[in-house]
Amino acid sequence: MKKEFGLLFWIHILLLIPAYLSPLFIDWKLIVIGIVILQIQYWVIDGCILTHLEMGKDKNETFIWYYLSKRYPNINPKRTKFVIRVIVPVALVMAGFFLQTKFGLEPLIKIF
């Protein structure tokens, strides 16, 4: 059952914002580890546990797609899922790598 803007929505937001900002404060190697764990979750349970709890187990429906579709009704769920699960993780790792190795940004949370 979908309960918009309930507790699970806010948990998602509290996890997504730091995740998207992670190249600024988390060692890029830890970002890779986090993404691998997230991808394993997607593979094992066919999606995100929070999304399943909030919205059910429709394999094409993602948290971000659901809320974007409220504003943009014609947004494609499969393309959105691809961007969220493939493009965004690659971009986060690349951003972290370049900011930290090429531009000298010191992350607050380091692997060692």
C-alpha atoms as a PDB file:
ATOM      1  CA  MET A   1       0.000   0.000   0.000  1.00  0.00           C
ATOM      2  CA  LYS A   2       1.412   3.343  -1.010  1.00  0.00           C
ATOM      3  CA  LYS A   3       1.447   5.931   1.698  1.00  0.00           C
ATOM      4  CA  GLU A   4       2.878   9.060   0.161  1.00  0.00           C
ATOM      5  CA  PHE A   5       5.229  11.111   2.295  1.00  0.00           C
ATOM      6  CA  GLY A   6       5.071   8.658   5.176  1.00  0.00           C
ATOM      7  CA  LEU A   7       7.907   7.375   7.328  1.00  0.00           C
ATOM      8  CA  LEU A   8       9.450   5.236   4.557  1.00  0.00           C
ATOM      9  CA  PHE A   9       9.498   8.245   2.221  1.00  0.00           C
ATOM     10  CA  TRP A  10      11.511  10.216   4.767  1.00  0.00           C
ATOM     11  CA  ILE A  11      13.863   7.302   5.421  1.00  0.00           C
ATOM     12  CA  HIS A  12      14.482   7.120   1.669  1.00  0.00           C
ATOM     13  CA  ILE A  13      15.188  10.855   1.547  1.00  0.00           C
ATOM     14  CA  LEU A  14      17.529  10.642   4.551  1.00  0.00           C
ATOM     15  CA  LEU A  15      19.505   7.919   2.758  1.00  0.00           C
ATOM     16  CA  LEU A  16      19.434   9.379  -0.759  1.00  0.00           C
ATOM     17  CA  ILE A  17      20.663  12.891   0.013  1.00  0.00           C
ATOM     18  CA  PRO A  18      23.889  11.766   1.727  1.00  0.00           C
ATOM     19  CA  ALA A  19      24.364   9.058  -0.939  1.00  0.00           C
ATOM     20  CA  TYR A  20      24.174  11.616  -3.745  1.00  0.00           C
ATOM     21  CA  LEU A  21      26.551  13.930  -1.859  1.00  0.00           C
ATOM     22  CA  SER A  22      28.922  11.079  -0.950  1.00  0.00           C
ATOM     23  CA  PRO A  23      31.680  12.048  -3.418  1.00  0.00           C
ATOM     24  CA  LEU A  24      32.179  15.153  -1.296  1.00  0.00           C
ATOM     25  CA  PHE A  25      32.736  13.404   2.031  1.00  0.00           C
ATOM     26  CA  ILE A  26      33.221   9.628   1.587  1.00  0.00           C
ATOM     27  CA  ASP A  27      36.317   7.954   0.148  1.00  0.00           C
ATOM     28  CA  TRP A  28      35.521   6.904  -3.419  1.00  0.00           C
ATOM     29  CA  LYS A  29      36.587   3.317  -2.598  1.00  0.00           C
ATOM     30  CA  LEU A  30      33.902   3.166   0.108  1.00  0.00           C
ATOM     31  CA  ILE A  31      31.384   4.477  -2.424  1.00  0.00           C
ATOM     32  CA  VAL A  32      32.269   1.527  -4.676  1.00  0.00           C
ATOM     33  CA  ILE A  33      31.726  -0.887  -1.769  1.00  0.00           C
ATOM     34  CA  GLY A  34      28.370   0.718  -0.942  1.00  0.00           C
ATOM     35  CA  ILE A  35      27.238   0.523  -4.551  1.00  0.00           C
ATOM     36  CA  VAL A  36      28.242  -3.135  -4.783  1.00  0.00           C
ATOM     37  CA  ILE A  37      26.191  -3.890  -1.655  1.00  0.00           C
ATOM     38  CA  LEU A  38      23.237  -1.955  -3.094  1.00  0.00           C
ATOM     39  CA  GLN A  39      23.493  -3.816  -6.421  1.00  0.00           C
ATOM     40  CA  ILE A  40      23.541  -7.145  -4.551  1.00  0.00           C
ATOM     41  CA  GLN A  41      20.357  -6.060  -2.758  1.00  0.00           C
ATOM     42  CA  TYR A  42      18.739  -5.203  -6.116  1.00  0.00           C
ATOM     43  CA  TRP A  43      19.733  -8.616  -7.473  1.00  0.00           C
ATOM     44  CA  VAL A  44      18.794 -10.730  -4.429  1.00  0.00           C
ATOM     45  CA  ILE A  45      15.402  -9.193  -3.663  1.00  0.00           C
ATOM     46  CA  ASP A  46      14.729  -7.742  -7.136  1.00  0.00           C
ATOM     47  CA  GLY A  47      14.727  -4.160  -5.930  1.00  0.00           C
ATOM     48  CA  CYS A  48      15.134  -1.966  -2.907  1.00  0.00           C
ATOM     49  CA  ILE A  49      13.785  -3.215   0.417  1.00  0.00           C
ATOM     50  CA  LEU A  50      12.444   0.240   1.308  1.00  0.00           C
ATOM     51  CA  THR A  51      10.677   0.555  -2.050  1.00  0.00           C
ATOM     52  CA  HIS A  52       9.142  -2.904  -1.623  1.00  0.00           C
ATOM     53  CA  LEU A  53       7.892  -1.966   1.826  1.00  0.00           C
ATOM     54  CA  GLU A  54       6.545   1.385   0.668  1.00  0.00           C
ATOM     55  CA  MET A  55       5.171   0.563  -2.778  1.00  0.00           C
ATOM     56  CA  GLY A  56       5.011  -3.172  -3.304  1.00  0.00           C
ATOM     57  CA  LYS A  57       7.102  -5.409  -5.505  1.00  0.00           C
ATOM     58  CA  ASP A  58       6.505  -4.021  -9.009  1.00  0.00           C
ATOM     59  CA  LYS A  59       9.965  -4.543 -10.511  1.00  0.00           C
ATOM     60  CA  ASN A  60       9.730  -1.425 -12.720  1.00  0.00           C
ATOM     61  CA  GLU A  61       8.524   0.947 -10.044  1.00  0.00           C
ATOM     62  CA  THR A  62      11.236   2.733  -8.137  1.00  0.00           C
ATOM     63  CA  PHE A  63      11.001   5.324  -5.393  1.00  0.00           C
ATOM     64  CA  ILE A  64      12.399   8.102  -7.562  1.00  0.00           C
ATOM     65  CA  TRP A  65      10.284   7.154 -10.583  1.00  0.00           C
ATOM     66  CA  TYR A  66       7.119   7.088  -8.479  1.00  0.00           C
ATOM     67  CA  TYR A  67       7.587  10.604  -7.150  1.00  0.00           C
ATOM     68  CA  LEU A  68       8.916  12.005 -10.433  1.00  0.00           C
ATOM     69  CA  SER A  69       5.881  10.559 -12.237  1.00  0.00           C
ATOM     70  CA  LYS A  70       3.673  12.769 -10.059  1.00  0.00           C
ATOM     71  CA  ARG A  71       5.309  15.808 -11.685  1.00  0.00           C
ATOM     72  CA  TYR A  72       6.121  14.247 -15.074  1.00  0.00           C
ATOM     73  CA  PRO A  73       3.365  11.712 -15.853  1.00  0.00           C
ATOM     74  CA  ASN A  74       4.978  10.435 -19.070  1.00  0.00           C
ATOM     75  CA  ILE A  75       8.343   9.548 -17.513  1.00  0.00           C
ATOM     76  CA  ASN A  76       9.433   6.047 -18.497  1.00  0.00           C
ATOM     77  CA  PRO A  77       9.832   3.724 -15.472  1.00  0.00           C
ATOM     78  CA  LYS A  78      12.365   1.401 -17.161  1.00  0.00           C
ATOM     79  CA  ARG A  79      14.589   4.282 -18.281  1.00  0.00           C
ATOM     80  CA  THR A  80      14.359   5.908 -14.874  1.00  0.00           C
ATOM     81  CA  LYS A  81      15.306   2.607 -13.235  1.00  0.00           C
ATOM     82  CA  PHE A  82      18.326   2.300 -15.576  1.00  0.00           C
ATOM     83  CA  VAL A  83      19.476   5.828 -14.763  1.00  0.00           C
ATOM     84  CA  ILE A  84      19.067   5.292 -11.015  1.00  0.00           C
ATOM     85  CA  ARG A  85      20.671   1.845 -10.898  1.00  0.00           C
ATOM     86  CA  VAL A  86      23.435   2.251 -13.509  1.00  0.00           C
ATOM     87  CA  ILE A  87      24.147   5.848 -14.526  1.00  0.00           C
ATOM     88  CA  VAL A  88      23.926   7.450 -11.064  1.00  0.00           C
ATOM     89  CA  PRO A  89      26.201   4.891  -9.339  1.00  0.00           C
ATOM     90  CA  VAL A  90      28.827   5.188 -12.090  1.00  0.00           C
ATOM     91  CA  ALA A  91      28.605   8.981 -11.900  1.00  0.00           C
ATOM     92  CA  LEU A  92      28.996   8.944  -8.109  1.00  0.00           C
ATOM     93  CA  VAL A  93      32.106   6.758  -8.274  1.00  0.00           C
ATOM     94  CA  MET A  94      33.601   8.851 -11.078  1.00  0.00           C
ATOM     95  CA  ALA A  95      32.818  12.108  -9.264  1.00  0.00           C
ATOM     96  CA  GLY A  96      34.354  10.781  -6.055  1.00  0.00           C
ATOM     97  CA  PHE A  97      37.423   9.463  -7.848  1.00  0.00           C
ATOM     98  CA  PHE A  98      38.118  12.673  -9.763  1.00  0.00           C
ATOM     99  CA  LEU A  99      37.311  15.055  -6.917  1.00  0.00           C
ATOM    100  CA  GLN A 100      39.500  13.117  -4.508  1.00  0.00           C
ATOM    101  CA  THR A 101      42.409  11.999  -6.708  1.00  0.00           C
ATOM    102  CA  LYS A 102      42.675  14.687  -9.349  1.00  0.00           C
ATOM    103  CA  PHE A 103      41.437  17.723  -7.445  1.00  0.00           C
ATOM    104  CA  GLY A 104      42.735  16.816  -3.984  1.00  0.00           C
ATOM    105  CA  LEU A 105      39.431  16.831  -2.091  1.00  0.00           C
ATOM    106  CA  GLU A 106      39.995  15.112   1.261  1.00  0.00           C
ATOM    107  CA  PRO A 107      36.976  12.991   2.214  1.00  0.00           C
ATOM    108  CA  LEU A 108      35.867  13.033   5.848  1.00  0.00           C
ATOM    109  CA  ILE A 109      35.291   9.270   5.859  1.00  0.00           C
ATOM    110  CA  LYS A 110      38.290   7.335   4.561  1.00  0.00           C
ATOM    111  CA  ILE A 111      38.970   3.663   4.012  1.00  0.00           C
ATOM    112  CA  PHE A 112      42.388   3.946   5.749  1.00  0.00           C
END
